[in-house]
């Protein structure tokens, strides 16, 4: 796959997706469908396998080695999870796509993404989100150093006291929240419907991002509401030791697919679904001859 295909898809003259105008009722519709898909498809198990290893790595990093130096990054790491959330939910979009089309939507089909014609563009867009996430961590660390200096906090208790009960701490909270909002708005703008669009059509990463920006420009108030709902849901899901994310993330992931359906006109000629190659059944009597290919 060439770099031009990754950016603009396989077509030499890619058609620009038609963007719709939506209302707040469409946002609520997407959420209702997301909840319905979550109930019907046990996809939360996937996120149980993703979230807890990430949290485990974070706890190990804080507990071992240069632990106190990492404490100021604990919140930026947790908050930054939302920046790569659109990529983490890619399998959920696929399950909702299949369920909407009346196809088998068992959890195993989440891996069908690996056979998508747009896989290169999906990877490229995922790399972009990871870069934004790393920049966010670097900015958060630089902000902490600018306010508190290079010395690590003496303890977690001392760190919490300095952040919550000192003017410097409130400066860190206010400025950090403002910068985090800008990063979140950037990610929402470029990825609100980019990944679902790439699953549905081989348009390339550049066209997908541009279409997402057009959706944001055409529907500023509904998409702002969507962003607030996502932020509030992630915050609520994170409070009880991140356990709530096992429900929140799948619901938002499934809902994103239906938000895409509401904001972009359907493709008249969608690409065919991936169907695994059927292997002929073999008998034990064929061994070891079955190991060697033969010509008919």
Protein backbone atom coordinates (compact mmCIF):
# COMPACT_ATOMS: atom_id res chain seq x y z
CA UNK A 1 0.00 0.00 0.00
CA UNK A 2 1.52 3.34 -1.08
CA UNK A 3 1.60 6.47 1.03
CA UNK A 4 -0.89 8.16 -1.31
CA UNK A 5 -3.38 5.32 -0.74
CA UNK A 6 -3.02 5.76 3.01
CA UNK A 7 -3.78 9.47 2.71
CA UNK A 8 -6.53 9.54 0.07
CA UNK A 9 -7.58 5.92 -0.40
CA UNK A 10 -7.36 3.59 -3.36
CA UNK A 11 -9.31 5.78 -5.77
CA UNK A 12 -7.34 8.21 -7.93
CA UNK A 13 -10.14 10.78 -7.54
CA UNK A 14 -11.75 10.09 -4.16
CA UNK A 15 -15.35 11.27 -3.78
CA UNK A 16 -15.84 13.68 -0.93
CA UNK A 17 -18.30 12.22 1.60
CA UNK A 18 -21.50 14.23 1.94
CA UNK A 19 -21.88 15.70 5.43
CA UNK A 20 -25.30 16.06 7.04
CA UNK A 21 -26.59 18.58 9.53
CA UNK A 22 -27.79 17.01 12.77
CA UNK A 23 -29.52 18.11 15.96
CA UNK A 24 -29.16 17.20 19.61
CA UNK A 25 -31.81 14.50 19.12
CA UNK A 26 -29.36 12.67 16.84
CA UNK A 27 -26.80 12.65 19.67
CA UNK A 28 -29.32 11.05 22.01
CA UNK A 29 -30.28 8.57 19.28
CA UNK A 30 -26.64 7.52 18.90
CA UNK A 31 -26.34 7.04 22.66
CA UNK A 32 -29.49 4.91 22.79
CA UNK A 33 -28.21 2.72 19.98
CA UNK A 34 -24.83 2.51 21.71
CA UNK A 35 -26.45 1.27 24.90
CA UNK A 36 -28.51 -1.23 22.90
CA UNK A 37 -25.40 -2.60 21.19
CA UNK A 38 -23.55 -2.82 24.49
CA UNK A 39 -26.37 -4.92 25.95
CA UNK A 40 -26.53 -7.13 22.86
CA UNK A 41 -22.77 -7.58 22.32
CA UNK A 42 -20.57 -8.53 25.31
CA UNK A 43 -17.79 -6.26 24.09
CA UNK A 44 -17.04 -4.94 27.57
CA UNK A 45 -14.82 -8.00 28.05
CA UNK A 46 -12.45 -6.55 25.46
CA UNK A 47 -12.02 -3.41 27.51
CA UNK A 48 -11.52 -5.40 30.68
CA UNK A 49 -8.50 -6.89 28.88
CA UNK A 50 -7.22 -3.47 27.80
CA UNK A 51 -7.85 -1.14 30.71
CA UNK A 52 -6.53 -3.24 33.57
CA UNK A 53 -3.12 -3.98 31.98
CA UNK A 54 -2.69 -0.27 31.32
CA UNK A 55 -3.59 0.58 34.89
CA UNK A 56 -1.33 -2.21 36.12
CA UNK A 57 1.61 -0.79 34.20
CA UNK A 58 0.87 2.64 35.65
CA UNK A 59 0.72 1.32 39.21
CA UNK A 60 3.95 -0.65 38.71
CA UNK A 61 5.67 2.45 37.37
CA UNK A 62 4.55 4.50 40.36
CA UNK A 63 5.40 1.82 42.90
CA UNK A 64 8.82 0.74 41.62
CA UNK A 65 11.97 2.58 40.64
CA UNK A 66 11.78 6.34 40.39
CA UNK A 67 8.22 6.32 41.63
CA UNK A 68 7.79 9.82 43.05
CA UNK A 69 9.06 11.42 39.85
CA UNK A 70 6.15 9.75 38.04
CA UNK A 71 3.44 10.84 40.48
CA UNK A 72 2.84 14.25 38.79
CA UNK A 73 2.16 12.38 35.52
CA UNK A 74 -0.42 10.01 37.04
CA UNK A 75 -3.38 12.29 36.28
CA UNK A 76 -2.17 13.31 32.79
CA UNK A 77 -1.72 9.61 31.98
CA UNK A 78 -5.25 8.78 33.15
CA UNK A 79 -6.80 11.79 31.43
CA UNK A 80 -4.79 11.17 28.27
CA UNK A 81 -6.44 7.78 27.82
CA UNK A 82 -9.34 9.66 26.24
CA UNK A 83 -6.99 10.97 23.53
CA UNK A 84 -6.37 7.45 22.19
CA UNK A 85 -9.89 6.23 22.99
CA UNK A 86 -11.11 6.56 19.36
CA UNK A 87 -8.38 4.14 18.27
CA UNK A 88 -8.99 1.75 21.18
CA UNK A 89 -12.67 1.53 20.21
CA UNK A 90 -12.05 0.59 16.58
CA UNK A 91 -13.24 -2.99 17.12
CA UNK A 92 -16.49 -1.73 18.66
CA UNK A 93 -17.26 0.33 15.55
CA UNK A 94 -16.87 -2.84 13.50
CA UNK A 95 -19.25 -4.78 15.75
CA UNK A 96 -21.88 -2.04 15.52
CA UNK A 97 -21.41 -1.86 11.74
CA UNK A 98 -22.02 -5.59 11.43
CA UNK A 99 -24.99 -5.57 13.79
CA UNK A 100 -26.60 -2.69 11.89
CA UNK A 101 -26.14 -4.62 8.64
CA UNK A 102 -27.72 -7.75 10.13
CA UNK A 103 -24.45 -9.70 10.09
CA UNK A 104 -22.93 -11.89 12.78
CA UNK A 105 -21.68 -9.47 15.44
CA UNK A 106 -20.01 -11.81 17.90
CA UNK A 107 -16.98 -10.34 19.68
CA UNK A 108 -14.51 -12.24 17.50
CA UNK A 109 -15.47 -10.09 14.52
CA UNK A 110 -13.87 -7.06 16.20
CA UNK A 111 -10.59 -8.37 14.75
CA UNK A 112 -11.98 -8.14 11.21
CA UNK A 113 -10.56 -4.62 11.29
CA UNK A 114 -7.18 -6.21 10.54
CA UNK A 115 -8.51 -7.14 7.09
CA UNK A 116 -10.00 -3.74 6.28
CA UNK A 117 -8.89 -2.11 2.99
CA UNK A 118 -8.28 1.04 5.06
CA UNK A 119 -5.97 -0.65 7.58
CA UNK A 120 -2.97 1.46 6.56
CA UNK A 121 -4.96 4.68 6.99
CA UNK A 122 -6.35 3.47 10.34
CA UNK A 123 -2.80 2.77 11.56
CA UNK A 124 -1.60 6.17 10.32
CA UNK A 125 -4.42 7.96 12.13
CA UNK A 126 -3.74 5.90 15.25
CA UNK A 127 -0.08 6.93 15.15
CA UNK A 128 -1.20 10.56 14.93
CA UNK A 129 -3.32 10.15 18.08
CA UNK A 130 -0.40 8.49 19.89
CA UNK A 131 1.85 11.41 18.94
CA UNK A 132 -0.72 13.86 20.30
CA UNK A 133 -0.91 11.79 23.50
CA UNK A 134 2.89 11.89 23.94
CA UNK A 135 2.94 15.64 23.27
CA UNK A 136 0.26 16.05 25.93
CA UNK A 137 2.41 14.17 28.46
CA UNK A 138 5.45 16.28 27.56
CA UNK A 139 3.46 19.50 27.94
CA UNK A 140 1.98 18.33 31.27
CA UNK A 141 5.45 17.51 32.60
CA UNK A 142 6.84 20.85 31.38
CA UNK A 143 3.96 22.69 33.07
CA UNK A 144 4.60 20.92 36.37
CA UNK A 145 8.32 21.72 36.19
CA UNK A 146 7.59 25.37 35.36
CA UNK A 147 5.39 25.70 38.46
CA UNK A 148 7.00 23.35 41.02
CA UNK A 149 10.54 22.94 39.69
CA UNK A 150 12.51 19.80 38.92
CA UNK A 151 12.42 18.26 42.39
CA UNK A 152 10.09 15.30 42.81
CA UNK A 153 7.42 15.44 45.53
CA UNK A 154 8.46 13.92 48.85
CA UNK A 155 5.36 11.71 49.02
CA UNK A 156 1.96 11.23 47.43
CA UNK A 157 0.37 12.94 50.44
CA UNK A 158 2.69 15.92 50.07
CA UNK A 159 1.98 16.10 46.35
CA UNK A 160 -1.80 16.09 46.95
CA UNK A 161 -1.44 18.81 49.58
CA UNK A 162 0.69 21.00 47.30
CA UNK A 163 -1.75 20.66 44.41
CA UNK A 164 -4.98 21.16 46.35
CA UNK A 165 -3.96 23.65 49.06
CA UNK A 166 -1.44 26.02 47.52
CA UNK A 167 -1.73 28.82 44.94
CA UNK A 168 0.83 27.04 42.76
CA UNK A 169 -1.27 23.90 42.88
CA UNK A 170 -4.41 25.70 41.75
CA UNK A 171 -2.43 27.35 38.99
CA UNK A 172 -1.40 23.87 37.87
CA UNK A 173 -5.02 22.67 37.98
CA UNK A 174 -6.48 25.63 36.10
CA UNK A 175 -3.78 25.94 33.43
CA UNK A 176 -3.47 22.16 33.05
CA UNK A 177 -7.22 21.78 32.62
CA UNK A 178 -7.25 24.54 30.01
CA UNK A 179 -4.42 22.94 28.04
CA UNK A 180 -6.03 19.52 28.37
CA UNK A 181 -9.27 20.95 26.99
CA UNK A 182 -7.43 22.17 23.90
CA UNK A 183 -5.87 18.76 23.32
CA UNK A 184 -9.24 17.05 23.80
CA UNK A 185 -10.93 19.48 21.39
CA UNK A 186 -8.24 18.82 18.79
CA UNK A 187 -8.66 15.04 19.05
CA UNK A 188 -12.45 15.32 18.94
CA UNK A 189 -12.26 17.47 15.81
CA UNK A 190 -9.98 15.14 13.86
CA UNK A 191 -11.34 11.79 15.05
CA UNK A 192 -15.04 12.25 15.85
CA UNK A 193 -16.07 10.19 12.82
CA UNK A 194 -12.71 9.44 11.14
CA UNK A 195 -12.30 5.84 12.26
CA UNK A 196 -15.90 4.77 11.51
CA UNK A 197 -15.58 6.42 8.09
CA UNK A 198 -12.38 4.48 7.36
CA UNK A 199 -14.09 1.23 8.35
CA UNK A 200 -16.96 2.01 6.01
CA UNK A 201 -14.97 3.38 3.05
CA UNK A 202 -11.41 3.30 1.74
CA UNK A 203 -11.05 7.09 1.60
CA UNK A 204 -7.65 7.51 3.26
CA UNK A 205 -6.60 9.20 6.49
CA UNK A 206 -6.45 12.75 5.09
CA UNK A 207 -9.97 12.56 3.65
CA UNK A 208 -11.28 11.01 6.88
CA UNK A 209 -9.78 13.77 9.04
CA UNK A 210 -11.02 16.46 6.66
CA UNK A 211 -14.51 14.96 6.73
CA UNK A 212 -14.47 14.91 10.53
CA UNK A 213 -13.51 18.59 10.55
CA UNK A 214 -16.35 19.32 8.12
CA UNK A 215 -18.79 17.51 10.42
CA UNK A 216 -17.61 19.63 13.34
CA UNK A 217 -17.94 22.85 11.31
CA UNK A 218 -21.43 21.94 10.05
CA UNK A 219 -22.72 20.89 13.51
CA UNK A 220 -20.87 22.94 16.16
CA UNK A 221 -23.51 22.78 18.90
CA UNK A 222 -24.48 19.09 18.61
CA UNK A 223 -20.83 18.05 18.35
CA UNK A 224 -19.95 20.25 21.33
CA UNK A 225 -22.70 18.45 23.26
CA UNK A 226 -21.23 15.12 22.15
CA UNK A 227 -17.81 16.20 23.40
CA UNK A 228 -19.25 17.22 26.78
CA UNK A 229 -21.10 13.91 27.08
CA UNK A 230 -17.93 11.97 26.28
CA UNK A 231 -15.86 13.98 28.79
CA UNK A 232 -18.47 13.66 31.55
CA UNK A 233 -18.97 9.94 30.93
CA UNK A 234 -15.24 9.25 31.01
CA UNK A 235 -14.88 11.26 34.23
CA UNK A 236 -17.74 9.41 35.92
CA UNK A 237 -16.42 6.07 34.71
CA UNK A 238 -12.94 6.85 36.03
CA UNK A 239 -13.95 7.79 39.57
CA UNK A 240 -14.55 4.28 41.02
CA UNK A 241 -10.98 3.07 40.28
CA UNK A 242 -11.66 3.15 36.51
CA UNK A 243 -14.07 0.22 36.82
CA UNK A 244 -16.86 2.26 35.26
CA UNK A 245 -14.87 2.54 32.04
CA UNK A 246 -15.71 -1.09 31.31
CA UNK A 247 -19.24 0.15 30.64
CA UNK A 248 -18.62 3.73 29.52
CA UNK A 249 -16.01 2.99 26.86
CA UNK A 250 -18.01 0.30 25.01
CA UNK A 251 -21.20 2.41 25.08
CA UNK A 252 -19.36 5.44 23.68
CA UNK A 253 -17.59 3.27 21.12
CA UNK A 254 -20.81 1.74 19.81
CA UNK A 255 -22.56 5.13 19.89
CA UNK A 256 -19.79 6.67 17.78
CA UNK A 257 -20.68 4.38 14.89
CA UNK A 258 -24.29 5.60 14.90
CA UNK A 259 -23.14 9.20 15.24
CA UNK A 260 -21.14 8.64 12.06
CA UNK A 261 -24.23 7.23 10.36
CA UNK A 262 -26.18 10.35 11.29
CA UNK A 263 -23.54 12.82 10.15
CA UNK A 264 -22.38 11.30 6.81
CA UNK A 265 -24.49 10.17 3.86
CA UNK A 266 -24.25 6.39 3.26
CA UNK A 267 -21.92 5.08 0.58
CA UNK A 268 -23.95 3.77 -2.39
CA UNK A 269 -21.33 1.09 -3.14
CA UNK A 270 -19.73 -0.03 0.15
CA UNK A 271 -16.71 -2.33 0.06
CA UNK A 272 -17.49 -6.03 0.58
CA UNK A 273 -17.24 -7.50 4.07
CA UNK A 274 -14.27 -9.62 4.97
CA UNK A 275 -15.06 -13.33 4.82
CA UNK A 276 -12.46 -15.77 6.12
CA UNK A 277 -11.29 -18.39 3.66
CA UNK A 278 -12.99 -21.71 4.18
CA UNK A 279 -10.42 -24.45 4.69
CA UNK A 280 -11.31 -27.98 3.59
CA UNK A 281 -11.80 -30.47 6.37
CA UNK A 282 -9.03 -33.04 6.60
CA UNK A 283 -8.93 -36.50 7.98
CA UNK A 284 -6.27 -37.91 10.27
CA UNK A 285 -5.54 -40.41 7.51
CA UNK A 286 -4.23 -37.51 5.36
CA UNK A 287 -1.26 -37.01 7.71
CA UNK A 288 1.58 -36.52 6.86
CA UNK A 289 0.69 -36.09 3.17
CA UNK A 290 -1.44 -33.04 4.04
CA UNK A 291 1.72 -31.19 5.06
CA UNK A 292 2.97 -31.08 1.49
CA UNK A 293 1.14 -29.08 -1.21
CA UNK A 294 0.16 -30.96 -4.33
CA UNK A 295 -1.13 -30.01 -7.72
CA UNK A 296 -4.48 -31.16 -8.96
